[in-house]
Full PDB file with SEQRES, HELIX, SHEET, SSBOND, CRYST1, ORIGX, SCALE, CONECT and MASTER records, all heavy atoms in Angstrom:
SEQRES   1 A   41  GLU ASN SER ARG ILE PRO VAL ILE GLN HIS PHE LYS GLY          
SEQRES   2 A   41  VAL CYS HIS LEU PHE ILE ASP LYS TYR ALA ASP LEU THR          
SEQRES   3 A   41  LYS ALA VAL ASN ILE LEU VAL ASN GLY LYS THR GLN ARG          
SEQRES   4 A   41  PRO SER                                                      
HELIX    1 AA1 LEU A   25  THR A   37  1                                  13    
CRYST1    1.000    1.000    1.000  90.00  90.00  90.00 P 1           1          
ORIGX1      1.000000  0.000000  0.000000        0.00000                         
ORIGX2      0.000000  1.000000  0.000000        0.00000                         
ORIGX3      0.000000  0.000000  1.000000        0.00000                         
SCALE1      1.000000  0.000000  0.000000        0.00000                         
SCALE2      0.000000  1.000000  0.000000        0.00000                         
SCALE3      0.000000  0.000000  1.000000        0.00000                         
ATOM      1  N   GLU A   1     -15.052  -4.271 -19.040  1.00  0.00           N  
ATOM      2  CA  GLU A   1     -14.988  -4.370 -20.444  1.00  0.00           C  
ATOM      3  C   GLU A   1     -16.440  -4.736 -20.995  1.00  0.00           C  
ATOM      4  O   GLU A   1     -16.766  -4.513 -22.214  1.00  0.00           O  
ATOM      5  CB  GLU A   1     -14.097  -5.644 -20.879  1.00  0.00           C  
ATOM      6  CG  GLU A   1     -12.576  -5.248 -20.833  1.00  0.00           C  
ATOM      7  CD  GLU A   1     -11.690  -6.441 -20.732  1.00  0.00           C  
ATOM      8  OE1 GLU A   1     -12.205  -7.614 -20.974  1.00  0.00           O  
ATOM      9  OE2 GLU A   1     -10.483  -6.183 -20.320  1.00  0.00           O  
ATOM     10  N   ASN A   2     -17.312  -5.200 -20.100  1.00  0.00           N  
ATOM     11  CA  ASN A   2     -18.669  -5.560 -20.671  1.00  0.00           C  
ATOM     12  C   ASN A   2     -19.755  -4.578 -20.276  1.00  0.00           C  
ATOM     13  O   ASN A   2     -20.860  -4.784 -20.626  1.00  0.00           O  
ATOM     14  CB  ASN A   2     -19.143  -6.879 -20.206  1.00  0.00           C  
ATOM     15  CG  ASN A   2     -18.236  -7.998 -20.857  1.00  0.00           C  
ATOM     16  OD1 ASN A   2     -18.355  -8.242 -22.006  1.00  0.00           O  
ATOM     17  ND2 ASN A   2     -17.141  -8.421 -20.074  1.00  0.00           N  
ATOM     18  N   SER A   3     -19.340  -3.451 -19.442  1.00  0.00           N  
ATOM     19  CA  SER A   3     -20.569  -2.568 -19.100  1.00  0.00           C  
ATOM     20  C   SER A   3     -20.760  -1.486 -19.977  1.00  0.00           C  
ATOM     21  O   SER A   3     -19.971  -0.853 -20.512  1.00  0.00           O  
ATOM     22  CB  SER A   3     -20.058  -1.994 -17.623  1.00  0.00           C  
ATOM     23  OG  SER A   3     -21.073  -1.229 -17.092  1.00  0.00           O  
ATOM     24  N   ARG A   4     -22.079  -1.154 -19.929  1.00  0.00           N  
ATOM     25  CA  ARG A   4     -22.564   0.148 -20.634  1.00  0.00           C  
ATOM     26  C   ARG A   4     -22.702   1.174 -19.737  1.00  0.00           C  
ATOM     27  O   ARG A   4     -23.243   2.273 -20.085  1.00  0.00           O  
ATOM     28  CB  ARG A   4     -23.896  -0.193 -21.488  1.00  0.00           C  
ATOM     29  CG  ARG A   4     -23.775  -1.151 -22.572  1.00  0.00           C  
ATOM     30  CD  ARG A   4     -24.910  -1.317 -23.439  1.00  0.00           C  
ATOM     31  NE  ARG A   4     -24.878  -2.484 -24.348  1.00  0.00           N  
ATOM     32  CZ  ARG A   4     -25.859  -2.904 -25.038  1.00  0.00           C  
ATOM     33  NH1 ARG A   4     -27.184  -2.538 -24.677  1.00  0.00           N  
ATOM     34  NH2 ARG A   4     -25.843  -3.940 -25.736  1.00  0.00           N  
ATOM     35  N   ILE A   5     -22.541   0.972 -18.401  1.00  0.00           N  
ATOM     36  CA  ILE A   5     -22.857   1.727 -17.313  1.00  0.00           C  
ATOM     37  C   ILE A   5     -21.486   2.216 -16.813  1.00  0.00           C  
ATOM     38  O   ILE A   5     -20.591   1.365 -16.854  1.00  0.00           O  
ATOM     39  CB  ILE A   5     -23.626   0.997 -16.327  1.00  0.00           C  
ATOM     40  CG1 ILE A   5     -24.945   0.440 -16.853  1.00  0.00           C  
ATOM     41  CG2 ILE A   5     -23.952   1.903 -15.066  1.00  0.00           C  
ATOM     42  CD1 ILE A   5     -25.501  -0.678 -15.941  1.00  0.00           C  
ATOM     43  N   PRO A   6     -21.389   3.410 -16.344  1.00  0.00           N  
ATOM     44  CA  PRO A   6     -20.082   3.804 -15.708  1.00  0.00           C  
ATOM     45  C   PRO A   6     -19.636   3.024 -14.554  1.00  0.00           C  
ATOM     46  O   PRO A   6     -20.485   2.492 -13.804  1.00  0.00           O  
ATOM     47  CB  PRO A   6     -20.292   5.237 -15.163  1.00  0.00           C  
ATOM     48  CG  PRO A   6     -21.543   5.837 -15.870  1.00  0.00           C  
ATOM     49  CD  PRO A   6     -22.225   4.585 -16.383  1.00  0.00           C  
ATOM     50  N   VAL A   7     -18.300   2.612 -14.541  1.00  0.00           N  
ATOM     51  CA  VAL A   7     -17.802   1.546 -13.521  1.00  0.00           C  
ATOM     52  C   VAL A   7     -16.767   2.311 -12.659  1.00  0.00           C  
ATOM     53  O   VAL A   7     -16.054   2.986 -13.258  1.00  0.00           O  
ATOM     54  CB  VAL A   7     -17.176   0.349 -14.252  1.00  0.00           C  
ATOM     55  CG1 VAL A   7     -16.598  -0.492 -13.192  1.00  0.00           C  
ATOM     56  CG2 VAL A   7     -18.183  -0.308 -15.169  1.00  0.00           C  
ATOM     57  N   ILE A   8     -16.864   2.180 -11.364  1.00  0.00           N  
ATOM     58  CA  ILE A   8     -15.790   2.658 -10.448  1.00  0.00           C  
ATOM     59  C   ILE A   8     -14.888   1.470 -10.404  1.00  0.00           C  
ATOM     60  O   ILE A   8     -15.240   0.364  -9.905  1.00  0.00           O  
ATOM     61  CB  ILE A   8     -16.358   2.892  -9.104  1.00  0.00           C  
ATOM     62  CG1 ILE A   8     -17.156   4.143  -9.157  1.00  0.00           C  
ATOM     63  CG2 ILE A   8     -15.258   3.177  -8.042  1.00  0.00           C  
ATOM     64  CD1 ILE A   8     -16.458   5.567  -9.128  1.00  0.00           C  
ATOM     65  N   GLN A   9     -13.549   1.591 -10.756  1.00  0.00           N  
ATOM     66  CA  GLN A   9     -12.543   0.622 -10.837  1.00  0.00           C  
ATOM     67  C   GLN A   9     -11.695   0.598  -9.590  1.00  0.00           C  
ATOM     68  O   GLN A   9     -11.212   1.631  -9.101  1.00  0.00           O  
ATOM     69  CB  GLN A   9     -11.721   0.717 -12.138  1.00  0.00           C  
ATOM     70  CG  GLN A   9     -12.609   0.518 -13.356  1.00  0.00           C  
ATOM     71  CD  GLN A   9     -11.881   1.083 -14.494  1.00  0.00           C  
ATOM     72  OE1 GLN A   9     -10.883   1.661 -14.547  1.00  0.00           O  
ATOM     73  NE2 GLN A   9     -12.562   0.851 -15.722  1.00  0.00           N  
ATOM     74  N   HIS A  10     -11.214  -0.537  -9.132  1.00  0.00           N  
ATOM     75  CA  HIS A  10     -10.176  -0.705  -8.163  1.00  0.00           C  
ATOM     76  C   HIS A  10      -9.417  -1.923  -8.501  1.00  0.00           C  
ATOM     77  O   HIS A  10      -9.995  -3.080  -7.960  1.00  0.00           O  
ATOM     78  CB  HIS A  10     -10.831  -0.675  -6.820  1.00  0.00           C  
ATOM     79  CG  HIS A  10      -9.893  -1.209  -5.703  1.00  0.00           C  
ATOM     80  ND1 HIS A  10     -10.292  -1.754  -4.533  1.00  0.00           N  
ATOM     81  CD2 HIS A  10      -8.548  -1.402  -5.742  1.00  0.00           C  
ATOM     82  CE1 HIS A  10      -9.360  -2.188  -3.797  1.00  0.00           C  
ATOM     83  NE2 HIS A  10      -8.190  -1.828  -4.437  1.00  0.00           N  
ATOM     84  N   PHE A  11      -8.637  -2.032  -9.505  1.00  0.00           N  
ATOM     85  CA  PHE A  11      -7.996  -3.329 -10.015  1.00  0.00           C  
ATOM     86  C   PHE A  11      -7.184  -3.917  -8.966  1.00  0.00           C  
ATOM     87  O   PHE A  11      -7.436  -5.183  -8.661  1.00  0.00           O  
ATOM     88  CB  PHE A  11      -7.225  -3.097 -11.306  1.00  0.00           C  
ATOM     89  CG  PHE A  11      -8.002  -2.913 -12.435  1.00  0.00           C  
ATOM     90  CD1 PHE A  11      -7.968  -1.692 -13.062  1.00  0.00           C  
ATOM     91  CD2 PHE A  11      -8.822  -3.824 -12.953  1.00  0.00           C  
ATOM     92  CE1 PHE A  11      -8.803  -1.451 -14.216  1.00  0.00           C  
ATOM     93  CE2 PHE A  11      -9.632  -3.599 -14.021  1.00  0.00           C  
ATOM     94  CZ  PHE A  11      -9.553  -2.317 -14.689  1.00  0.00           C  
ATOM     95  N   LYS A  12      -6.218  -3.347  -8.315  1.00  0.00           N  
ATOM     96  CA  LYS A  12      -5.377  -3.843  -7.310  1.00  0.00           C  
ATOM     97  C   LYS A  12      -4.756  -2.828  -6.439  1.00  0.00           C  
ATOM     98  O   LYS A  12      -4.766  -1.753  -6.871  1.00  0.00           O  
ATOM     99  CB  LYS A  12      -4.452  -4.830  -7.915  1.00  0.00           C  
ATOM    100  CG  LYS A  12      -3.487  -4.253  -8.924  1.00  0.00           C  
ATOM    101  CD  LYS A  12      -2.704  -5.412  -9.550  1.00  0.00           C  
ATOM    102  CE  LYS A  12      -1.685  -4.911 -10.610  1.00  0.00           C  
ATOM    103  NZ  LYS A  12      -0.872  -5.973 -11.215  1.00  0.00           N  
ATOM    104  N   GLY A  13      -4.090  -3.175  -5.418  1.00  0.00           N  
ATOM    105  CA  GLY A  13      -3.402  -2.364  -4.430  1.00  0.00           C  
ATOM    106  C   GLY A  13      -1.984  -2.664  -4.407  1.00  0.00           C  
ATOM    107  O   GLY A  13      -1.556  -3.481  -3.713  1.00  0.00           O  
ATOM    108  N   VAL A  14      -1.215  -2.033  -5.360  1.00  0.00           N  
ATOM    109  CA  VAL A  14       0.240  -2.149  -5.358  1.00  0.00           C  
ATOM    110  C   VAL A  14       0.707  -0.907  -4.496  1.00  0.00           C  
ATOM    111  O   VAL A  14       1.000   0.090  -5.072  1.00  0.00           O  
ATOM    112  CB  VAL A  14       0.938  -2.307  -6.629  1.00  0.00           C  
ATOM    113  CG1 VAL A  14       2.500  -2.534  -6.530  1.00  0.00           C  
ATOM    114  CG2 VAL A  14       0.321  -3.538  -7.512  1.00  0.00           C  
ATOM    115  N   CYS A  15       0.818  -1.132  -3.201  1.00  0.00           N  
ATOM    116  CA  CYS A  15       1.124  -0.003  -2.351  1.00  0.00           C  
ATOM    117  C   CYS A  15       2.601   0.057  -2.038  1.00  0.00           C  
ATOM    118  O   CYS A  15       3.273  -0.941  -1.755  1.00  0.00           O  
ATOM    119  CB  CYS A  15       0.366  -0.121  -1.101  1.00  0.00           C  
ATOM    120  SG  CYS A  15      -1.451  -0.189  -1.147  1.00  0.00           S  
ATOM    121  N   HIS A  16       3.209   1.233  -2.057  1.00  0.00           N  
ATOM    122  CA  HIS A  16       4.724   1.397  -2.011  1.00  0.00           C  
ATOM    123  C   HIS A  16       4.921   2.172  -0.665  1.00  0.00           C  
ATOM    124  O   HIS A  16       4.213   3.071  -0.243  1.00  0.00           O  
ATOM    125  CB  HIS A  16       5.263   2.295  -3.156  1.00  0.00           C  
ATOM    126  CG  HIS A  16       5.184   1.732  -4.385  1.00  0.00           C  
ATOM    127  ND1 HIS A  16       4.008   1.702  -5.225  1.00  0.00           N  
ATOM    128  CD2 HIS A  16       6.021   0.873  -5.148  1.00  0.00           C  
ATOM    129  CE1 HIS A  16       4.225   1.039  -6.360  1.00  0.00           C  
ATOM    130  NE2 HIS A  16       5.466   0.640  -6.422  1.00  0.00           N  
ATOM    131  N   LEU A  17       6.200   1.805  -0.046  1.00  0.00           N  
ATOM    132  CA  LEU A  17       6.642   2.476   1.086  1.00  0.00           C  
ATOM    133  C   LEU A  17       8.040   2.925   0.709  1.00  0.00           C  
ATOM    134  O   LEU A  17       8.878   2.201   0.284  1.00  0.00           O  
ATOM    135  CB  LEU A  17       6.712   1.474   2.368  1.00  0.00           C  
ATOM    136  CG  LEU A  17       7.532   2.003   3.612  1.00  0.00           C  
ATOM    137  CD1 LEU A  17       6.729   3.251   4.146  1.00  0.00           C  
ATOM    138  CD2 LEU A  17       7.750   0.872   4.484  1.00  0.00           C  
ATOM    139  N   PHE A  18       8.281   4.290   0.791  1.00  0.00           N  
ATOM    140  CA  PHE A  18       9.608   4.718   0.501  1.00  0.00           C  
ATOM    141  C   PHE A  18      10.350   5.289   1.838  1.00  0.00           C  
ATOM    142  O   PHE A  18       9.837   6.086   2.538  1.00  0.00           O  
ATOM    143  CB  PHE A  18       9.465   5.981  -0.441  1.00  0.00           C  
ATOM    144  CG  PHE A  18      10.841   6.718  -0.682  1.00  0.00           C  
ATOM    145  CD1 PHE A  18      11.965   5.997  -0.909  1.00  0.00           C  
ATOM    146  CD2 PHE A  18      10.684   8.148  -0.697  1.00  0.00           C  
ATOM    147  CE1 PHE A  18      13.183   6.815  -1.055  1.00  0.00           C  
ATOM    148  CE2 PHE A  18      12.005   8.845  -0.947  1.00  0.00           C  
ATOM    149  CZ  PHE A  18      13.123   8.177  -1.032  1.00  0.00           C  
ATOM    150  N   ILE A  19      11.427   4.624   2.142  1.00  0.00           N  
ATOM    151  CA  ILE A  19      12.111   4.981   3.158  1.00  0.00           C  
ATOM    152  C   ILE A  19      13.380   6.001   2.741  1.00  0.00           C  
ATOM    153  O   ILE A  19      14.249   5.576   2.113  1.00  0.00           O  
ATOM    154  CB  ILE A  19      12.966   3.772   3.879  1.00  0.00           C  
ATOM    155  CG1 ILE A  19      11.911   2.586   4.120  1.00  0.00           C  
ATOM    156  CG2 ILE A  19      13.638   4.166   5.232  1.00  0.00           C  
ATOM    157  CD1 ILE A  19      10.930   2.797   5.071  1.00  0.00           C  
ATOM    158  N   ASP A  20      13.100   7.300   3.019  1.00  0.00           N  
ATOM    159  CA  ASP A  20      13.960   8.352   2.659  1.00  0.00           C  
ATOM    160  C   ASP A  20      15.212   8.399   3.485  1.00  0.00           C  
ATOM    161  O   ASP A  20      15.269   7.833   4.439  1.00  0.00           O  
ATOM    162  CB  ASP A  20      13.153   9.614   2.830  1.00  0.00           C  
ATOM    163  CG  ASP A  20      13.923  10.843   2.288  1.00  0.00           C  
ATOM    164  OD1 ASP A  20      14.630  10.741   1.330  1.00  0.00           O  
ATOM    165  OD2 ASP A  20      13.831  11.932   2.849  1.00  0.00           O  
ATOM    166  N   LYS A  21      16.154   9.012   2.955  1.00  0.00           N  
ATOM    167  CA  LYS A  21      17.380   9.039   3.700  1.00  0.00           C  
ATOM    168  C   LYS A  21      17.288   9.861   4.993  1.00  0.00           C  
ATOM    169  O   LYS A  21      18.185   9.695   5.912  1.00  0.00           O  
ATOM    170  CB  LYS A  21      18.548   9.582   2.853  1.00  0.00           C  
ATOM    171  CG  LYS A  21      18.501  11.178   2.365  1.00  0.00           C  
ATOM    172  CD  LYS A  21      19.693  11.594   1.740  1.00  0.00           C  
ATOM    173  CE  LYS A  21      19.639  13.108   1.323  1.00  0.00           C  
ATOM    174  NZ  LYS A  21      20.850  13.442   0.477  1.00  0.00           N  
ATOM    175  N   TYR A  22      16.325  10.729   5.098  1.00  0.00           N  
ATOM    176  CA  TYR A  22      16.054  11.389   6.307  1.00  0.00           C  
ATOM    177  C   TYR A  22      15.095  10.735   7.312  1.00  0.00           C  
ATOM    178  O   TYR A  22      14.309  11.409   8.079  1.00  0.00           O  
ATOM    179  CB  TYR A  22      15.579  12.823   6.067  1.00  0.00           C  
ATOM    180  CG  TYR A  22      16.612  13.610   5.236  1.00  0.00           C  
ATOM    181  CD1 TYR A  22      16.195  14.066   3.863  1.00  0.00           C  
ATOM    182  CD2 TYR A  22      17.822  13.937   5.802  1.00  0.00           C  
ATOM    183  CE1 TYR A  22      17.314  14.705   3.286  1.00  0.00           C  
ATOM    184  CE2 TYR A  22      18.843  14.660   5.038  1.00  0.00           C  
ATOM    185  CZ  TYR A  22      18.426  14.985   3.712  1.00  0.00           C  
ATOM    186  OH  TYR A  22      19.431  15.777   2.959  1.00  0.00           O  
ATOM    187  N   ALA A  23      14.825   9.311   7.039  1.00  0.00           N  
ATOM    188  CA  ALA A  23      13.768   8.712   7.870  1.00  0.00           C  
ATOM    189  C   ALA A  23      14.262   8.455   9.281  1.00  0.00           C  
ATOM    190  O   ALA A  23      15.465   8.229   9.473  1.00  0.00           O  
ATOM    191  CB  ALA A  23      13.491   7.254   7.217  1.00  0.00           C  
ATOM    192  N   ASP A  24      13.209   8.361  10.073  1.00  0.00           N  
ATOM    193  CA  ASP A  24      13.605   7.926  11.539  1.00  0.00           C  
ATOM    194  C   ASP A  24      13.509   6.377  11.463  1.00  0.00           C  
ATOM    195  O   ASP A  24      12.334   5.831  11.010  1.00  0.00           O  
ATOM    196  CB  ASP A  24      12.448   8.538  12.414  1.00  0.00           C  
ATOM    197  CG  ASP A  24      12.440   7.953  13.791  1.00  0.00           C  
ATOM    198  OD1 ASP A  24      12.643   6.816  14.029  1.00  0.00           O  
ATOM    199  OD2 ASP A  24      12.323   8.686  14.803  1.00  0.00           O  
ATOM    200  N   LEU A  25      14.537   5.700  11.797  1.00  0.00           N  
ATOM    201  CA  LEU A  25      14.658   4.243  11.563  1.00  0.00           C  
ATOM    202  C   LEU A  25      13.501   3.455  12.376  1.00  0.00           C  
ATOM    203  O   LEU A  25      13.078   2.360  11.837  1.00  0.00           O  
ATOM    204  CB  LEU A  25      16.009   3.730  11.779  1.00  0.00           C  
ATOM    205  CG  LEU A  25      16.988   4.195  10.823  1.00  0.00           C  
ATOM    206  CD1 LEU A  25      18.462   3.537  11.101  1.00  0.00           C  
ATOM    207  CD2 LEU A  25      16.698   3.864   9.370  1.00  0.00           C  
ATOM    208  N   THR A  26      13.300   3.865  13.577  1.00  0.00           N  
ATOM    209  CA  THR A  26      12.265   3.191  14.384  1.00  0.00           C  
ATOM    210  C   THR A  26      10.797   3.223  13.755  1.00  0.00           C  
ATOM    211  O   THR A  26      10.268   2.275  13.653  1.00  0.00           O  
ATOM    212  CB  THR A  26      12.156   3.848  15.812  1.00  0.00           C  
ATOM    213  OG1 THR A  26      13.531   3.824  16.350  1.00  0.00           O  
ATOM    214  CG2 THR A  26      11.260   2.978  16.697  1.00  0.00           C  
ATOM    215  N   LYS A  27      10.483   4.518  13.238  1.00  0.00           N  
ATOM    216  CA  LYS A  27       9.231   4.615  12.661  1.00  0.00           C  
ATOM    217  C   LYS A  27       9.265   3.730  11.361  1.00  0.00           C  
ATOM    218  O   LYS A  27       8.229   3.090  11.006  1.00  0.00           O  
ATOM    219  CB  LYS A  27       8.997   6.132  12.250  1.00  0.00           C  
ATOM    220  CG  LYS A  27       8.774   7.013  13.344  1.00  0.00           C  
ATOM    221  CD  LYS A  27       8.557   8.568  12.875  1.00  0.00           C  
ATOM    222  CE  LYS A  27       8.580   9.506  14.057  1.00  0.00           C  
ATOM    223  NZ  LYS A  27       8.703  10.829  13.541  1.00  0.00           N  
ATOM    224  N   ALA A  28      10.398   3.819  10.616  1.00  0.00           N  
ATOM    225  CA  ALA A  28      10.402   3.210   9.315  1.00  0.00           C  
ATOM    226  C   ALA A  28      10.181   1.590   9.587  1.00  0.00           C  
ATOM    227  O   ALA A  28       9.465   1.084   8.779  1.00  0.00           O  
ATOM    228  CB  ALA A  28      11.699   3.416   8.697  1.00  0.00           C  
ATOM    229  N   VAL A  29      10.815   1.015  10.595  1.00  0.00           N  
ATOM    230  CA  VAL A  29      10.757  -0.419  10.718  1.00  0.00           C  
ATOM    231  C   VAL A  29       9.210  -0.766  11.122  1.00  0.00           C  
ATOM    232  O   VAL A  29       8.693  -1.706  10.585  1.00  0.00           O  
ATOM    233  CB  VAL A  29      11.689  -1.003  11.782  1.00  0.00           C  
ATOM    234  CG1 VAL A  29      11.379  -2.353  12.172  1.00  0.00           C  
ATOM    235  CG2 VAL A  29      13.122  -0.719  11.270  1.00  0.00           C  
ATOM    236  N   ASN A  30       8.761   0.072  11.997  1.00  0.00           N  
ATOM    237  CA  ASN A  30       7.322  -0.156  12.522  1.00  0.00           C  
ATOM    238  C   ASN A  30       6.410  -0.057  11.420  1.00  0.00           C  
ATOM    239  O   ASN A  30       5.451  -1.002  11.334  1.00  0.00           O  
ATOM    240  CB  ASN A  30       6.960   0.663  13.614  1.00  0.00           C  
ATOM    241  CG  ASN A  30       7.742   0.421  14.885  1.00  0.00           C  
ATOM    242  OD1 ASN A  30       8.277  -0.749  15.079  1.00  0.00           O  
ATOM    243  ND2 ASN A  30       7.795   1.305  15.806  1.00  0.00           N  
ATOM    244  N   ILE A  31       6.500   1.003  10.601  1.00  0.00           N  
ATOM    245  CA  ILE A  31       5.566   1.205   9.530  1.00  0.00           C  
ATOM    246  C   ILE A  31       5.633   0.014   8.427  1.00  0.00           C  
ATOM    247  O   ILE A  31       4.589  -0.427   7.880  1.00  0.00           O  
ATOM    248  CB  ILE A  31       5.753   2.556   8.956  1.00  0.00           C  
ATOM    249  CG1 ILE A  31       5.214   3.611   9.890  1.00  0.00           C  
ATOM    250  CG2 ILE A  31       5.077   2.683   7.574  1.00  0.00           C  
ATOM    251  CD1 ILE A  31       5.633   5.073   9.566  1.00  0.00           C  
ATOM    252  N   LEU A  32       6.904  -0.464   8.224  1.00  0.00           N  
ATOM    253  CA  LEU A  32       6.941  -1.461   7.270  1.00  0.00           C  
ATOM    254  C   LEU A  32       6.436  -2.913   7.844  1.00  0.00           C  
ATOM    255  O   LEU A  32       5.747  -3.504   7.048  1.00  0.00           O  
ATOM    256  CB  LEU A  32       8.546  -1.692   7.037  1.00  0.00           C  
ATOM    257  CG  LEU A  32       9.022  -2.964   6.162  1.00  0.00           C  
ATOM    258  CD1 LEU A  32       8.416  -3.061   4.870  1.00  0.00           C  
ATOM    259  CD2 LEU A  32      10.473  -3.187   6.283  1.00  0.00           C  
ATOM    260  N   VAL A  33       6.742  -3.203   9.012  1.00  0.00           N  
ATOM    261  CA  VAL A  33       6.194  -4.450   9.574  1.00  0.00           C  
ATOM    262  C   VAL A  33       4.672  -4.426   9.619  1.00  0.00           C  
ATOM    263  O   VAL A  33       3.959  -5.308   9.239  1.00  0.00           O  
ATOM    264  CB  VAL A  33       6.827  -4.712  10.934  1.00  0.00           C  
ATOM    265  CG1 VAL A  33       6.110  -5.873  11.539  1.00  0.00           C  
ATOM    266  CG2 VAL A  33       8.240  -5.007  10.902  1.00  0.00           C  
ATOM    267  N   ASN A  34       4.083  -3.244  10.054  1.00  0.00           N  
ATOM    268  CA  ASN A  34       2.543  -3.259  10.239  1.00  0.00           C  
ATOM    269  C   ASN A  34       2.090  -3.200   8.842  1.00  0.00           C  
ATOM    270  O   ASN A  34       1.105  -3.858   8.613  1.00  0.00           O  
ATOM    271  CB  ASN A  34       2.311  -1.929  10.998  1.00  0.00           C  
ATOM    272  CG  ASN A  34       0.732  -1.803  11.047  1.00  0.00           C  
ATOM    273  OD1 ASN A  34       0.054  -0.943  10.408  1.00  0.00           O  
ATOM    274  ND2 ASN A  34       0.147  -2.627  12.091  1.00  0.00           N  
ATOM    275  N   GLY A  35       2.600  -2.481   7.850  1.00  0.00           N  
ATOM    276  CA  GLY A  35       2.006  -2.333   6.626  1.00  0.00           C  
ATOM    277  C   GLY A  35       2.101  -3.737   5.793  1.00  0.00           C  
ATOM    278  O   GLY A  35       1.096  -4.032   4.902  1.00  0.00           O  
ATOM    279  N   LYS A  36       3.054  -4.458   6.186  1.00  0.00           N  
ATOM    280  CA  LYS A  36       3.103  -5.810   5.359  1.00  0.00           C  
ATOM    281  C   LYS A  36       2.490  -6.913   6.040  1.00  0.00           C  
ATOM    282  O   LYS A  36       1.852  -7.756   5.437  1.00  0.00           O  
ATOM    283  CB  LYS A  36       4.697  -6.183   5.015  1.00  0.00           C  
ATOM    284  CG  LYS A  36       4.878  -7.526   4.343  1.00  0.00           C  
ATOM    285  CD  LYS A  36       4.500  -7.611   2.875  1.00  0.00           C  
ATOM    286  CE  LYS A  36       3.071  -8.092   2.586  1.00  0.00           C  
ATOM    287  NZ  LYS A  36       2.699  -8.195   1.227  1.00  0.00           N  
ATOM    288  N   THR A  37       2.762  -7.011   7.392  1.00  0.00           N  
ATOM    289  CA  THR A  37       2.488  -8.309   8.127  1.00  0.00           C  
ATOM    290  C   THR A  37       1.105  -8.381   8.787  1.00  0.00           C  
ATOM    291  O   THR A  37       0.552  -9.423   9.193  1.00  0.00           O  
ATOM    292  CB  THR A  37       3.540  -8.695   9.041  1.00  0.00           C  
ATOM    293  OG1 THR A  37       3.654  -7.752  10.134  1.00  0.00           O  
ATOM    294  CG2 THR A  37       4.898  -8.790   8.479  1.00  0.00           C  
ATOM    295  N   GLN A  38       0.518  -7.232   9.089  1.00  0.00           N  
ATOM    296  CA  GLN A  38      -0.653  -7.282   9.969  1.00  0.00           C  
ATOM    297  C   GLN A  38      -1.775  -7.948   9.357  1.00  0.00           C  
ATOM    298  O   GLN A  38      -2.473  -8.697   9.874  1.00  0.00           O  
ATOM    299  CB  GLN A  38      -1.052  -5.743  10.306  1.00  0.00           C  
ATOM    300  CG  GLN A  38      -2.062  -5.743  11.551  1.00  0.00           C  
ATOM    301  CD  GLN A  38      -3.134  -4.664  11.279  1.00  0.00           C  
ATOM    302  OE1 GLN A  38      -3.137  -3.933  10.331  1.00  0.00           O  
ATOM    303  NE2 GLN A  38      -4.020  -4.522  12.268  1.00  0.00           N  
ATOM    304  N   ARG A  39      -2.095  -7.634   8.031  1.00  0.00           N  
ATOM    305  CA  ARG A  39      -3.192  -8.307   7.319  1.00  0.00           C  
ATOM    306  C   ARG A  39      -2.786  -8.231   5.834  1.00  0.00           C  
ATOM    307  O   ARG A  39      -3.414  -7.446   5.076  1.00  0.00           O  
ATOM    308  CB  ARG A  39      -4.529  -7.658   7.510  1.00  0.00           C  
ATOM    309  CG  ARG A  39      -5.626  -8.421   6.977  1.00  0.00           C  
ATOM    310  CD  ARG A  39      -6.953  -8.146   7.675  1.00  0.00           C  
ATOM    311  NE  ARG A  39      -8.003  -8.726   6.785  1.00  0.00           N  
ATOM    312  CZ  ARG A  39      -9.001  -8.031   6.172  1.00  0.00           C  
ATOM    313  NH1 ARG A  39      -9.089  -6.773   6.444  1.00  0.00           N  
ATOM    314  NH2 ARG A  39      -9.846  -8.574   5.336  1.00  0.00           N  
ATOM    315  N   PRO A  40      -1.914  -9.337   5.322  1.00  0.00           N  
ATOM    316  CA  PRO A  40      -1.430  -9.143   4.015  1.00  0.00           C  
ATOM    317  C   PRO A  40      -2.436  -9.334   2.847  1.00  0.00           C  
ATOM    318  O   PRO A  40      -2.195  -8.979   1.749  1.00  0.00           O  
ATOM    319  CB  PRO A  40      -0.357 -10.306   3.942  1.00  0.00           C  
ATOM    320  CG  PRO A  40      -0.793 -11.219   5.073  1.00  0.00           C  
ATOM    321  CD  PRO A  40      -1.290 -10.313   6.109  1.00  0.00           C  
ATOM    322  N   SER A  41      -3.500  -9.877   3.236  1.00  0.00           N  
ATOM    323  CA  SER A  41      -4.602 -10.139   2.305  1.00  0.00           C  
ATOM    324  C   SER A  41      -5.418  -8.850   1.901  1.00  0.00           C  
ATOM    325  O   SER A  41      -6.134  -8.801   1.037  1.00  0.00           O  
ATOM    326  CB  SER A  41      -5.699 -11.124   2.720  1.00  0.00           C  
ATOM    327  OG  SER A  41      -6.287 -10.798   3.846  1.00  0.00           O  
TER     328      SER A  41                                                      
MASTER        0    0    0    1    0    0    0    6  327    1    0    4          
END                                                                             
């Protein structure tokens, strides 16, 4: 809001995981657990 110079923005990371009906359940669980719990910050 205060810059007269171009700014590269990265407001936040709201990252989504979609488990499709054709998902491999083992992959799905591993990807969910790693994506959420490994480093939540």
